[in-house]
Amino acid sequence: MRRGISKGVLTILAVVILIVLLAIGYYLTLPAPTKPREKLSFSIATGTTGGVWYPLGGAIAGVITKYVPDTEATAEATTAAIDNLRLLVAGKAGMAWCYDYHIVLLNQGKLTQVSDKPQPVRLFMAFYEQPLHIVTYEGSGINTIYDLKGKRVSTGPPASGTEEQALYVLSALGIDPDKDFVREKLSPADSGSAMKDGKLDAFFWSGAVPTSSIVDLATTPGFKIKFIPISGEIADKIIKMYPAVFHKTKIPKGSYPGLEEDVETIAITAVIAVMDNFPADRLYEIIKAIFDHKDELAAAWKKATQLTPEKAYMQAGEEARKYLHPGAEKFFKEMGVIKG
């Protein structure tokens, strides 16, 4: 008797094959499994514990850790900007407080205190402007920067941002601080004390407005301070020589006791920098979290609630904005700050 496969068996086999093919087709339409997102942990290089950068950096780290999934940040106390950038470039910090012009100089290979070759440092966001104050007093005989010659002048603490910027200004104007006046290297508080004691005629200070030690000096009974403007041809000459460093601004009237008119000056801006390889998607989430929770930063920096996306972008100098990180750029475009 000849054996064969019955029609019923063939039908069952065809159904099984069809089911298998349908299952394979369905499986092929499923999205590829995604890898779990890696946890990102990094430190924010800030400054000394007595300054603004350390507590504000700590507040920012808290917001990041609390609101950005799979991300943890901590604040690291340092000696400030140059130390911060050394840590950043060496890969020992994920973010670093510095000034906007530092980003430009590093990319140009001109910030030799940090690196002797160009480094791909990128702008994350700007926080606040630091106008350059030149403080003297009524009766000092100082009305312009050139009048500092022959006087007793502090150019700020050694290796400080103030000293760095003061030396830029003086060199642009052909003034030698070690020959043209009696040079001191004091903090603003010590400068104020020396001025009240008649031991100092003027001092430079790069800092946010208002600076408490200058407020204290301005409220000293019988003592009237005044600010030397950096404006007009003088400002243009300085900015022409150091275009990546300074931009024009004003110390607004009323910022200090007795200040009845705006004072034109030049400024730099305090910013946070990252390296170009910081994950763009994560940086975008971080900047969104910062703006969504500005109130949590206000305990460390009262003006946090006044920070807007426009300020966080536009306060940085034009040259520094050329090095904006793509993650931050995406956010600023969404906010309409960057067009196109």
C-alpha atoms as a PDB file:
ATOM      1  CA  MET A   1       0.000   0.000   0.000  1.00  0.00           C
ATOM      2  CA  ARG A   2       1.414   3.313  -1.000  1.00  0.00           C
ATOM      3  CA  ARG A   3       1.884   5.711   1.846  1.00  0.00           C
ATOM      4  CA  GLY A   4       1.448   9.505   1.461  1.00  0.00           C
ATOM      5  CA  ILE A   5       0.745  12.553   3.465  1.00  0.00           C
ATOM      6  CA  SER A   6      -2.904  13.098   4.032  1.00  0.00           C
ATOM      7  CA  LYS A   7      -4.595  16.307   3.049  1.00  0.00           C
ATOM      8  CA  GLY A   8      -5.325  17.052   6.732  1.00  0.00           C
ATOM      9  CA  VAL A   9      -1.687  16.816   7.694  1.00  0.00           C
ATOM     10  CA  LEU A  10      -0.687  19.107   4.827  1.00  0.00           C
ATOM     11  CA  THR A  11      -3.229  21.642   5.953  1.00  0.00           C
ATOM     12  CA  ILE A  12      -1.927  21.603   9.517  1.00  0.00           C
ATOM     13  CA  LEU A  13       1.658  21.932   8.259  1.00  0.00           C
ATOM     14  CA  ALA A  14       0.745  24.916   6.086  1.00  0.00           C
ATOM     15  CA  VAL A  15      -0.954  26.621   9.026  1.00  0.00           C
ATOM     16  CA  VAL A  16       2.099  26.084  11.226  1.00  0.00           C
ATOM     17  CA  ILE A  17       4.425  27.512   8.548  1.00  0.00           C
ATOM     18  CA  LEU A  18       2.137  30.517   8.131  1.00  0.00           C
ATOM     19  CA  ILE A  19       2.108  31.166  11.875  1.00  0.00           C
ATOM     20  CA  VAL A  20       5.923  30.953  12.008  1.00  0.00           C
ATOM     21  CA  LEU A  21       6.281  33.361   9.079  1.00  0.00           C
ATOM     22  CA  LEU A  22       3.834  35.812  10.643  1.00  0.00           C
ATOM     23  CA  ALA A  23       5.746  35.632  13.945  1.00  0.00           C
ATOM     24  CA  ILE A  24       9.044  36.315  12.178  1.00  0.00           C
ATOM     25  CA  GLY A  25       7.527  39.248  10.311  1.00  0.00           C
ATOM     26  CA  TYR A  26       6.129  40.723  13.527  1.00  0.00           C
ATOM     27  CA  TYR A  27       9.475  40.360  15.282  1.00  0.00           C
ATOM     28  CA  LEU A  28      11.255  42.132  12.440  1.00  0.00           C
ATOM     29  CA  THR A  29       8.921  45.123  12.790  1.00  0.00           C
ATOM     30  CA  LEU A  30       9.784  45.599  16.452  1.00  0.00           C
ATOM     31  CA  PRO A  31      12.239  48.408  17.267  1.00  0.00           C
ATOM     32  CA  ALA A  32      15.740  47.316  18.124  1.00  0.00           C
ATOM     33  CA  PRO A  33      16.269  46.989  21.860  1.00  0.00           C
ATOM     34  CA  THR A  34      17.861  50.116  23.316  1.00  0.00           C
ATOM     35  CA  LYS A  35      20.798  50.071  25.666  1.00  0.00           C
ATOM     36  CA  PRO A  36      20.159  51.355  29.174  1.00  0.00           C
ATOM     37  CA  ARG A  37      21.432  54.942  29.439  1.00  0.00           C
ATOM     38  CA  GLU A  38      24.815  55.169  31.071  1.00  0.00           C
ATOM     39  CA  LYS A  39      25.041  57.095  34.308  1.00  0.00           C
ATOM     40  CA  LEU A  40      27.005  60.322  33.981  1.00  0.00           C
ATOM     41  CA  SER A  41      28.876  61.556  37.047  1.00  0.00           C
ATOM     42  CA  PHE A  42      31.092  64.629  37.080  1.00  0.00           C
ATOM     43  CA  SER A  43      32.318  67.503  39.230  1.00  0.00           C
ATOM     44  CA  ILE A  44      31.821  71.217  38.685  1.00  0.00           C
ATOM     45  CA  ALA A  45      35.078  73.102  39.309  1.00  0.00           C
ATOM     46  CA  THR A  46      34.073  76.283  41.132  1.00  0.00           C
ATOM     47  CA  GLY A  47      36.206  78.520  43.353  1.00  0.00           C
ATOM     48  CA  THR A  48      37.010  79.229  46.978  1.00  0.00           C
ATOM     49  CA  THR A  49      34.385  78.450  49.603  1.00  0.00           C
ATOM     50  CA  GLY A  50      34.055  82.157  50.411  1.00  0.00           C
ATOM     51  CA  GLY A  51      33.158  83.219  46.859  1.00  0.00           C
ATOM     52  CA  VAL A  52      29.984  83.013  44.766  1.00  0.00           C
ATOM     53  CA  TRP A  53      31.025  80.227  42.400  1.00  0.00           C
ATOM     54  CA  TYR A  54      31.298  77.506  45.055  1.00  0.00           C
ATOM     55  CA  PRO A  55      27.815  77.807  46.588  1.00  0.00           C
ATOM     56  CA  LEU A  56      26.192  78.504  43.222  1.00  0.00           C
ATOM     57  CA  GLY A  57      28.029  75.550  41.695  1.00  0.00           C
ATOM     58  CA  GLY A  58      26.772  73.422  44.560  1.00  0.00           C
ATOM     59  CA  ALA A  59      23.197  74.548  43.954  1.00  0.00           C
ATOM     60  CA  ILE A  60      23.525  73.763  40.242  1.00  0.00           C
ATOM     61  CA  ALA A  61      24.955  70.332  41.064  1.00  0.00           C
ATOM     62  CA  GLY A  62      21.960  69.711  43.327  1.00  0.00           C
ATOM     63  CA  VAL A  63      19.491  70.583  40.559  1.00  0.00           C
ATOM     64  CA  ILE A  64      21.323  68.340  38.081  1.00  0.00           C
ATOM     65  CA  THR A  65      21.409  65.372  40.444  1.00  0.00           C
ATOM     66  CA  LYS A  66      17.771  65.817  41.467  1.00  0.00           C
ATOM     67  CA  TYR A  67      16.121  66.477  38.117  1.00  0.00           C
ATOM     68  CA  VAL A  68      18.284  65.023  35.321  1.00  0.00           C
ATOM     69  CA  PRO A  69      17.885  61.225  35.133  1.00  0.00           C
ATOM     70  CA  ASP A  70      21.033  59.087  35.385  1.00  0.00           C
ATOM     71  CA  THR A  71      23.163  62.170  36.072  1.00  0.00           C
ATOM     72  CA  GLU A  72      25.058  63.128  39.213  1.00  0.00           C
ATOM     73  CA  ALA A  73      27.117  66.274  39.807  1.00  0.00           C
ATOM     74  CA  THR A  74      29.136  67.614  42.726  1.00  0.00           C
ATOM     75  CA  ALA A  75      30.809  70.967  43.380  1.00  0.00           C
ATOM     76  CA  GLU A  76      34.572  71.037  43.820  1.00  0.00           C
ATOM     77  CA  ALA A  77      36.303  73.873  45.669  1.00  0.00           C
ATOM     78  CA  THR A  78      39.298  75.307  43.792  1.00  0.00           C
ATOM     79  CA  THR A  79      41.404  78.458  43.561  1.00  0.00           C
ATOM     80  CA  ALA A  80      39.094  79.661  40.734  1.00  0.00           C
ATOM     81  CA  ALA A  81      39.180  80.112  36.938  1.00  0.00           C
ATOM     82  CA  ILE A  82      42.658  79.016  35.841  1.00  0.00           C
ATOM     83  CA  ASP A  83      42.684  76.050  38.220  1.00  0.00           C
ATOM     84  CA  ASN A  84      39.173  75.146  37.012  1.00  0.00           C
ATOM     85  CA  LEU A  85      40.211  75.125  33.373  1.00  0.00           C
ATOM     86  CA  ARG A  86      43.257  72.992  34.086  1.00  0.00           C
ATOM     87  CA  LEU A  87      40.960  70.413  35.688  1.00  0.00           C
ATOM     88  CA  LEU A  88      38.508  70.619  32.792  1.00  0.00           C
ATOM     89  CA  VAL A  89      41.134  70.180  30.067  1.00  0.00           C
ATOM     90  CA  ALA A  90      42.714  67.284  31.998  1.00  0.00           C
ATOM     91  CA  GLY A  91      39.350  65.507  32.172  1.00  0.00           C
ATOM     92  CA  LYS A  92      39.200  65.795  35.957  1.00  0.00           C
ATOM     93  CA  ALA A  93      36.074  67.982  35.933  1.00  0.00           C
ATOM     94  CA  GLY A  94      33.012  67.941  33.699  1.00  0.00           C
ATOM     95  CA  MET A  95      32.160  71.631  34.038  1.00  0.00           C
ATOM     96  CA  ALA A  96      34.222  74.662  35.029  1.00  0.00           C
ATOM     97  CA  TRP A  97      33.470  78.204  36.092  1.00  0.00           C
ATOM     98  CA  CYS A  98      35.618  80.723  34.228  1.00  0.00           C
ATOM     99  CA  TYR A  99      35.275  83.945  32.213  1.00  0.00           C
ATOM    100  CA  ASP A 100      33.969  84.158  28.675  1.00  0.00           C
ATOM    101  CA  TYR A 101      37.295  85.306  27.224  1.00  0.00           C
ATOM    102  CA  HIS A 102      39.079  82.271  28.673  1.00  0.00           C
ATOM    103  CA  ILE A 103      37.090  80.075  26.282  1.00  0.00           C
ATOM    104  CA  VAL A 104      38.254  82.124  23.306  1.00  0.00           C
ATOM    105  CA  LEU A 105      41.894  82.187  24.378  1.00  0.00           C
ATOM    106  CA  LEU A 106      41.945  78.440  25.038  1.00  0.00           C
ATOM    107  CA  ASN A 107      40.582  77.657  21.597  1.00  0.00           C
ATOM    108  CA  GLN A 108      43.216  79.960  20.122  1.00  0.00           C
ATOM    109  CA  GLY A 109      46.002  78.330  22.125  1.00  0.00           C
ATOM    110  CA  LYS A 110      46.715  81.628  23.870  1.00  0.00           C
ATOM    111  CA  LEU A 111      45.915  80.738  27.487  1.00  0.00           C
ATOM    112  CA  THR A 112      49.308  79.264  28.243  1.00  0.00           C
ATOM    113  CA  GLN A 113      48.662  79.133  31.995  1.00  0.00           C
ATOM    114  CA  VAL A 114      46.300  76.258  31.175  1.00  0.00           C
ATOM    115  CA  SER A 115      47.689  74.699  27.989  1.00  0.00           C
ATOM    116  CA  ASP A 116      50.378  75.425  25.429  1.00  0.00           C
ATOM    117  CA  LYS A 117      48.131  74.234  22.592  1.00  0.00           C
ATOM    118  CA  PRO A 118      44.511  74.928  21.492  1.00  0.00           C
ATOM    119  CA  GLN A 119      41.831  73.147  23.512  1.00  0.00           C
ATOM    120  CA  PRO A 120      38.228  72.469  22.361  1.00  0.00           C
ATOM    121  CA  VAL A 121      36.521  74.137  25.313  1.00  0.00           C
ATOM    122  CA  ARG A 122      32.898  75.129  24.755  1.00  0.00           C
ATOM    123  CA  LEU A 123      30.538  77.687  26.265  1.00  0.00           C
ATOM    124  CA  PHE A 124      27.669  76.176  28.266  1.00  0.00           C
ATOM    125  CA  MET A 125      25.928  79.291  29.580  1.00  0.00           C
ATOM    126  CA  ALA A 126      26.633  82.744  30.998  1.00  0.00           C
ATOM    127  CA  PHE A 127      25.521  83.822  34.454  1.00  0.00           C
ATOM    128  CA  TYR A 128      26.475  87.389  35.258  1.00  0.00           C
ATOM    129  CA  GLU A 129      28.551  90.277  34.052  1.00  0.00           C
ATOM    130  CA  GLN A 130      31.551  91.575  35.995  1.00  0.00           C
ATOM    131  CA  PRO A 131      32.202  95.246  35.221  1.00  0.00           C
ATOM    132  CA  LEU A 132      35.716  96.527  35.799  1.00  0.00           C
ATOM    133  CA  HIS A 133      35.638  99.067  38.636  1.00  0.00           C
ATOM    134  CA  ILE A 134      38.357 101.681  39.034  1.00  0.00           C
ATOM    135  CA  VAL A 135      37.649 103.227  42.414  1.00  0.00           C
ATOM    136  CA  THR A 136      39.132 106.420  43.822  1.00  0.00           C
ATOM    137  CA  TYR A 137      37.857 109.266  46.019  1.00  0.00           C
ATOM    138  CA  GLU A 138      36.930 112.915  45.654  1.00  0.00           C
ATOM    139  CA  GLY A 139      40.049 115.046  45.920  1.00  0.00           C
ATOM    140  CA  SER A 140      42.476 112.361  44.695  1.00  0.00           C
ATOM    141  CA  GLY A 141      43.169 114.270  41.483  1.00  0.00           C
ATOM    142  CA  ILE A 142      42.340 111.169  39.433  1.00  0.00           C
ATOM    143  CA  ASN A 143      39.771 111.706  36.684  1.00  0.00           C
ATOM    144  CA  THR A 144      41.015 109.379  33.927  1.00  0.00           C
ATOM    145  CA  ILE A 145      43.083 106.206  33.825  1.00  0.00           C
ATOM    146  CA  TYR A 146      46.080 108.235  32.694  1.00  0.00           C
ATOM    147  CA  ASP A 147      45.903 110.177  35.980  1.00  0.00           C
ATOM    148  CA  LEU A 148      46.908 106.993  37.819  1.00  0.00           C
ATOM    149  CA  LYS A 149      50.508 107.797  36.962  1.00  0.00           C
ATOM    150  CA  GLY A 150      52.459 108.795  40.035  1.00  0.00           C
ATOM    151  CA  LYS A 151      49.725 107.555  42.400  1.00  0.00           C
ATOM    152  CA  ARG A 152      49.416 104.588  44.754  1.00  0.00           C
ATOM    153  CA  VAL A 153      47.261 101.999  42.992  1.00  0.00           C
ATOM    154  CA  SER A 154      46.173  98.412  43.666  1.00  0.00           C
ATOM    155  CA  THR A 155      45.833  96.136  40.636  1.00  0.00           C
ATOM    156  CA  GLY A 156      44.150  93.354  42.625  1.00  0.00           C
ATOM    157  CA  PRO A 157      45.369  90.206  44.367  1.00  0.00           C
ATOM    158  CA  PRO A 158      48.218  88.291  42.686  1.00  0.00           C
ATOM    159  CA  ALA A 159      47.079  85.901  39.914  1.00  0.00           C
ATOM    160  CA  SER A 160      43.484  87.080  40.269  1.00  0.00           C
ATOM    161  CA  GLY A 161      41.087  87.882  37.449  1.00  0.00           C
ATOM    162  CA  THR A 162      41.210  91.502  38.562  1.00  0.00           C
ATOM    163  CA  GLU A 163      44.983  91.652  38.182  1.00  0.00           C
ATOM    164  CA  GLU A 164      44.820  89.933  34.800  1.00  0.00           C
ATOM    165  CA  GLN A 165      42.252  92.417  33.486  1.00  0.00           C
ATOM    166  CA  ALA A 166      43.958  95.449  35.036  1.00  0.00           C
ATOM    167  CA  LEU A 167      47.187  94.511  33.286  1.00  0.00           C
ATOM    168  CA  TYR A 168      45.358  94.141  29.965  1.00  0.00           C
ATOM    169  CA  VAL A 169      43.924  97.652  30.374  1.00  0.00           C
ATOM    170  CA  LEU A 170      47.196  99.260  31.404  1.00  0.00           C
ATOM    171  CA  SER A 171      49.224  97.592  28.661  1.00  0.00           C
ATOM    172  CA  ALA A 172      46.718  98.710  26.000  1.00  0.00           C
ATOM    173  CA  LEU A 173      47.185 102.289  27.190  1.00  0.00           C
ATOM    174  CA  GLY A 174      50.958 102.141  27.477  1.00  0.00           C
ATOM    175  CA  ILE A 175      51.023 102.392  31.272  1.00  0.00           C
ATOM    176  CA  ASP A 176      53.614 100.300  33.113  1.00  0.00           C
ATOM    177  CA  PRO A 177      52.244  99.435  36.581  1.00  0.00           C
ATOM    178  CA  ASP A 178      55.696  98.688  37.920  1.00  0.00           C
ATOM    179  CA  LYS A 179      57.174 102.000  36.772  1.00  0.00           C
ATOM    180  CA  ASP A 180      54.414 104.552  36.328  1.00  0.00           C
ATOM    181  CA  PHE A 181      52.804 104.289  39.766  1.00  0.00           C
ATOM    182  CA  VAL A 182      53.335 102.714  43.170  1.00  0.00           C
ATOM    183  CA  ARG A 183      51.737  99.322  42.753  1.00  0.00           C
ATOM    184  CA  GLU A 184      49.904  97.378  45.432  1.00  0.00           C
ATOM    185  CA  LYS A 185      48.227  93.967  45.060  1.00  0.00           C
ATOM    186  CA  LEU A 186      45.267  94.072  47.425  1.00  0.00           C
ATOM    187  CA  SER A 187      41.782  92.621  47.677  1.00  0.00           C
ATOM    188  CA  PRO A 188      38.892  95.112  47.432  1.00  0.00           C
ATOM    189  CA  ALA A 189      38.355  94.947  51.199  1.00  0.00           C
ATOM    190  CA  ASP A 190      42.027  95.631  51.929  1.00  0.00           C
ATOM    191  CA  SER A 191      42.064  98.328  49.232  1.00  0.00           C
ATOM    192  CA  GLY A 192      39.123 100.045  50.923  1.00  0.00           C
ATOM    193  CA  SER A 193      40.858  99.955  54.295  1.00  0.00           C
ATOM    194  CA  ALA A 194      44.087 101.326  52.812  1.00  0.00           C
ATOM    195  CA  MET A 195      42.198 104.098  51.031  1.00  0.00           C
ATOM    196  CA  LYS A 196      40.413 105.138  54.232  1.00  0.00           C
ATOM    197  CA  ASP A 197      43.794 105.225  55.982  1.00  0.00           C
ATOM    198  CA  GLY A 198      45.237 107.487  53.274  1.00  0.00           C
ATOM    199  CA  LYS A 199      47.616 104.793  52.017  1.00  0.00           C
ATOM    200  CA  LEU A 200      46.021 104.197  48.601  1.00  0.00           C
ATOM    201  CA  ASP A 201      44.698 106.490  45.871  1.00  0.00           C
ATOM    202  CA  ALA A 202      42.847 104.061  43.611  1.00  0.00           C
ATOM    203  CA  PHE A 203      42.176 100.384  43.010  1.00  0.00           C
ATOM    204  CA  PHE A 204      40.956  98.048  40.288  1.00  0.00           C
ATOM    205  CA  TRP A 205      38.242  95.498  40.958  1.00  0.00           C
ATOM    206  CA  SER A 206      36.501  93.076  38.603  1.00  0.00           C
ATOM    207  CA  GLY A 207      33.322  91.901  40.272  1.00  0.00           C
ATOM    208  CA  ALA A 208      29.565  91.752  40.237  1.00  0.00           C
ATOM    209  CA  VAL A 209      27.589  94.889  41.057  1.00  0.00           C
ATOM    210  CA  PRO A 210      27.280  95.726  43.874  1.00  0.00           C
ATOM    211  CA  THR A 211      30.447  94.530  45.603  1.00  0.00           C
ATOM    212  CA  SER A 212      29.986  94.626  49.380  1.00  0.00           C
ATOM    213  CA  SER A 213      33.439  96.022  50.222  1.00  0.00           C
ATOM    214  CA  ILE A 214      32.879  98.949  47.837  1.00  0.00           C
ATOM    215  CA  VAL A 215      29.445  99.545  49.377  1.00  0.00           C
ATOM    216  CA  ASP A 216      31.144  99.636  52.772  1.00  0.00           C
ATOM    217  CA  LEU A 217      33.697 102.160  51.511  1.00  0.00           C
ATOM    218  CA  ALA A 218      30.947 104.310  49.975  1.00  0.00           C
ATOM    219  CA  THR A 219      29.064 104.466  53.279  1.00  0.00           C
ATOM    220  CA  THR A 220      32.073 105.589  55.323  1.00  0.00           C
ATOM    221  CA  PRO A 221      31.181 108.914  56.985  1.00  0.00           C
ATOM    222  CA  GLY A 222      33.045 111.872  55.511  1.00  0.00           C
ATOM    223  CA  PHE A 223      34.441 109.810  52.657  1.00  0.00           C
ATOM    224  CA  LYS A 224      33.135 110.124  49.089  1.00  0.00           C
ATOM    225  CA  ILE A 225      34.211 107.608  46.490  1.00  0.00           C
ATOM    226  CA  LYS A 226      34.087 108.039  42.735  1.00  0.00           C
ATOM    227  CA  PHE A 227      34.494 105.701  39.784  1.00  0.00           C
ATOM    228  CA  ILE A 228      36.856 106.364  36.889  1.00  0.00           C
ATOM    229  CA  PRO A 229      35.062 105.693  33.596  1.00  0.00           C
ATOM    230  CA  ILE A 230      36.490 103.512  30.851  1.00  0.00           C
ATOM    231  CA  SER A 231      34.732 104.951  27.844  1.00  0.00           C
ATOM    232  CA  GLY A 232      35.097 106.552  24.432  1.00  0.00           C
ATOM    233  CA  GLU A 233      38.488 106.320  22.748  1.00  0.00           C
ATOM    234  CA  ILE A 234      40.045 104.732  25.830  1.00  0.00           C
ATOM    235  CA  ALA A 235      37.552 101.841  25.806  1.00  0.00           C
ATOM    236  CA  ASP A 236      37.862 101.464  22.040  1.00  0.00           C
ATOM    237  CA  LYS A 237      41.648 101.254  22.283  1.00  0.00           C
ATOM    238  CA  ILE A 238      41.492  98.544  24.962  1.00  0.00           C
ATOM    239  CA  ILE A 239      38.864  96.488  23.139  1.00  0.00           C
ATOM    240  CA  LYS A 240      40.733  96.778  19.849  1.00  0.00           C
ATOM    241  CA  MET A 241      43.821  95.293  21.484  1.00  0.00           C
ATOM    242  CA  TYR A 242      41.859  92.643  23.435  1.00  0.00           C
ATOM    243  CA  PRO A 243      38.678  92.019  21.397  1.00  0.00           C
ATOM    244  CA  ALA A 244      38.076  88.576  22.882  1.00  0.00           C
ATOM    245  CA  VAL A 245      38.306  89.826  26.461  1.00  0.00           C
ATOM    246  CA  PHE A 246      36.167  92.919  27.036  1.00  0.00           C
ATOM    247  CA  HIS A 247      32.840  94.355  26.021  1.00  0.00           C
ATOM    248  CA  LYS A 248      31.299  97.723  26.892  1.00  0.00           C
ATOM    249  CA  THR A 249      28.840  98.077  29.746  1.00  0.00           C
ATOM    250  CA  LYS A 250      27.771 100.442  32.546  1.00  0.00           C
ATOM    251  CA  ILE A 251      27.719 100.467  36.305  1.00  0.00           C
ATOM    252  CA  PRO A 252      24.113 101.667  36.756  1.00  0.00           C
ATOM    253  CA  LYS A 253      23.353 104.723  38.843  1.00  0.00           C
ATOM    254  CA  GLY A 254      22.149 103.814  42.297  1.00  0.00           C
ATOM    255  CA  SER A 255      24.219 100.630  42.362  1.00  0.00           C
ATOM    256  CA  TYR A 256      26.350 102.162  45.100  1.00  0.00           C
ATOM    257  CA  PRO A 257      25.501 104.787  47.711  1.00  0.00           C
ATOM    258  CA  GLY A 258      25.995 108.245  46.219  1.00  0.00           C
ATOM    259  CA  LEU A 259      26.317 107.016  42.621  1.00  0.00           C
ATOM    260  CA  GLU A 260      23.981 109.432  40.840  1.00  0.00           C
ATOM    261  CA  GLU A 261      24.908 108.714  37.219  1.00  0.00           C
ATOM    262  CA  ASP A 262      25.743 105.641  35.148  1.00  0.00           C
ATOM    263  CA  VAL A 263      29.467 104.964  34.843  1.00  0.00           C
ATOM    264  CA  GLU A 264      30.629 103.682  31.472  1.00  0.00           C
ATOM    265  CA  THR A 265      33.167 100.891  31.719  1.00  0.00           C
ATOM    266  CA  ILE A 266      34.173  97.559  30.229  1.00  0.00           C
ATOM    267  CA  ALA A 267      33.386  94.079  31.506  1.00  0.00           C
ATOM    268  CA  ILE A 268      33.867  90.359  31.268  1.00  0.00           C
ATOM    269  CA  THR A 269      31.258  87.674  32.045  1.00  0.00           C
ATOM    270  CA  ALA A 270      31.256  84.736  34.452  1.00  0.00           C
ATOM    271  CA  VAL A 271      30.308  81.552  32.593  1.00  0.00           C
ATOM    272  CA  ILE A 272      30.401  77.776  32.861  1.00  0.00           C
ATOM    273  CA  ALA A 273      32.461  75.902  30.274  1.00  0.00           C
ATOM    274  CA  VAL A 274      32.540  72.267  29.166  1.00  0.00           C
ATOM    275  CA  MET A 275      34.661  70.292  26.717  1.00  0.00           C
ATOM    276  CA  ASP A 276      33.323  69.671  23.222  1.00  0.00           C
ATOM    277  CA  ASN A 277      32.772  65.957  23.962  1.00  0.00           C
ATOM    278  CA  PHE A 278      30.280  66.551  26.774  1.00  0.00           C
ATOM    279  CA  PRO A 279      27.147  64.588  25.680  1.00  0.00           C
ATOM    280  CA  ALA A 280      24.915  67.076  23.857  1.00  0.00           C
ATOM    281  CA  ASP A 281      21.631  65.412  24.820  1.00  0.00           C
ATOM    282  CA  ARG A 282      22.575  65.443  28.501  1.00  0.00           C
ATOM    283  CA  LEU A 283      23.733  69.061  28.408  1.00  0.00           C
ATOM    284  CA  TYR A 284      20.398  70.035  26.841  1.00  0.00           C
ATOM    285  CA  GLU A 285      18.565  68.304  29.705  1.00  0.00           C
ATOM    286  CA  ILE A 286      20.818  70.029  32.241  1.00  0.00           C
ATOM    287  CA  ILE A 287      20.192  73.550  30.961  1.00  0.00           C
ATOM    288  CA  LYS A 288      16.434  72.865  30.838  1.00  0.00           C
ATOM    289  CA  ALA A 289      16.540  71.674  34.455  1.00  0.00           C
ATOM    290  CA  ILE A 290      18.448  74.797  35.526  1.00  0.00           C
ATOM    291  CA  PHE A 291      15.834  77.120  34.013  1.00  0.00           C
ATOM    292  CA  ASP A 292      12.944  75.018  35.292  1.00  0.00           C
ATOM    293  CA  HIS A 293      14.284  75.234  38.841  1.00  0.00           C
ATOM    294  CA  LYS A 294      15.921  78.657  39.100  1.00  0.00           C
ATOM    295  CA  ASP A 295      14.199  79.176  42.432  1.00  0.00           C
ATOM    296  CA  GLU A 296      16.400  76.448  43.920  1.00  0.00           C
ATOM    297  CA  LEU A 297      19.515  78.395  42.905  1.00  0.00           C
ATOM    298  CA  ALA A 298      18.321  81.620  44.520  1.00  0.00           C
ATOM    299  CA  ALA A 299      19.502  80.606  47.998  1.00  0.00           C
ATOM    300  CA  ALA A 300      23.081  80.663  46.670  1.00  0.00           C
ATOM    301  CA  TRP A 301      22.662  83.536  44.212  1.00  0.00           C
ATOM    302  CA  LYS A 302      19.750  85.934  44.650  1.00  0.00           C
ATOM    303  CA  LYS A 303      19.753  87.031  41.012  1.00  0.00           C
ATOM    304  CA  ALA A 304      19.112  83.491  39.792  1.00  0.00           C
ATOM    305  CA  THR A 305      15.411  84.256  39.484  1.00  0.00           C
ATOM    306  CA  GLN A 306      16.256  87.125  37.088  1.00  0.00           C
ATOM    307  CA  LEU A 307      18.347  84.966  34.766  1.00  0.00           C
ATOM    308  CA  THR A 308      16.684  84.501  31.375  1.00  0.00           C
ATOM    309  CA  PRO A 309      17.728  82.390  28.367  1.00  0.00           C
ATOM    310  CA  GLU A 310      18.542  85.623  26.546  1.00  0.00           C
ATOM    311  CA  LYS A 311      20.882  86.780  29.324  1.00  0.00           C
ATOM    312  CA  ALA A 312      22.451  83.322  29.612  1.00  0.00           C
ATOM    313  CA  TYR A 313      23.442  83.639  25.952  1.00  0.00           C
ATOM    314  CA  MET A 314      23.872  87.328  25.197  1.00  0.00           C
ATOM    315  CA  GLN A 315      25.879  88.238  28.313  1.00  0.00           C
ATOM    316  CA  ALA A 316      28.782  86.199  26.980  1.00  0.00           C
ATOM    317  CA  GLY A 317      31.017  88.113  24.590  1.00  0.00           C
ATOM    318  CA  GLU A 318      30.426  87.718  20.862  1.00  0.00           C
ATOM    319  CA  GLU A 319      33.704  85.864  20.360  1.00  0.00           C
ATOM    320  CA  ALA A 320      32.898  83.389  23.145  1.00  0.00           C
ATOM    321  CA  ARG A 321      29.438  82.712  21.690  1.00  0.00           C
ATOM    322  CA  LYS A 322      31.138  81.283  18.587  1.00  0.00           C
ATOM    323  CA  TYR A 323      32.181  78.349  20.774  1.00  0.00           C
ATOM    324  CA  LEU A 324      28.707  77.494  22.107  1.00  0.00           C
ATOM    325  CA  HIS A 325      28.199  73.786  22.803  1.00  0.00           C
ATOM    326  CA  PRO A 326      25.581  72.105  20.536  1.00  0.00           C
ATOM    327  CA  GLY A 327      23.535  70.920  23.533  1.00  0.00           C
ATOM    328  CA  ALA A 328      23.170  74.490  24.782  1.00  0.00           C
ATOM    329  CA  GLU A 329      22.618  75.770  21.237  1.00  0.00           C
ATOM    330  CA  LYS A 330      19.588  73.473  20.863  1.00  0.00           C
ATOM    331  CA  PHE A 331      18.049  74.975  24.021  1.00  0.00           C
ATOM    332  CA  PHE A 332      18.700  78.591  23.034  1.00  0.00           C
ATOM    333  CA  LYS A 333      17.194  77.957  19.593  1.00  0.00           C
ATOM    334  CA  GLU A 334      14.059  76.477  21.182  1.00  0.00           C
ATOM    335  CA  MET A 335      13.792  79.555  23.392  1.00  0.00           C
ATOM    336  CA  GLY A 336      14.023  81.807  20.330  1.00  0.00           C
ATOM    337  CA  VAL A 337      17.266  83.422  21.517  1.00  0.00           C
ATOM    338  CA  ILE A 338      19.188  82.099  18.508  1.00  0.00           C
ATOM    339  CA  LYS A 339      17.327  82.605  15.258  1.00  0.00           C
ATOM    340  CA  GLY A 340      17.383  80.117  12.403  1.00  0.00           C
END
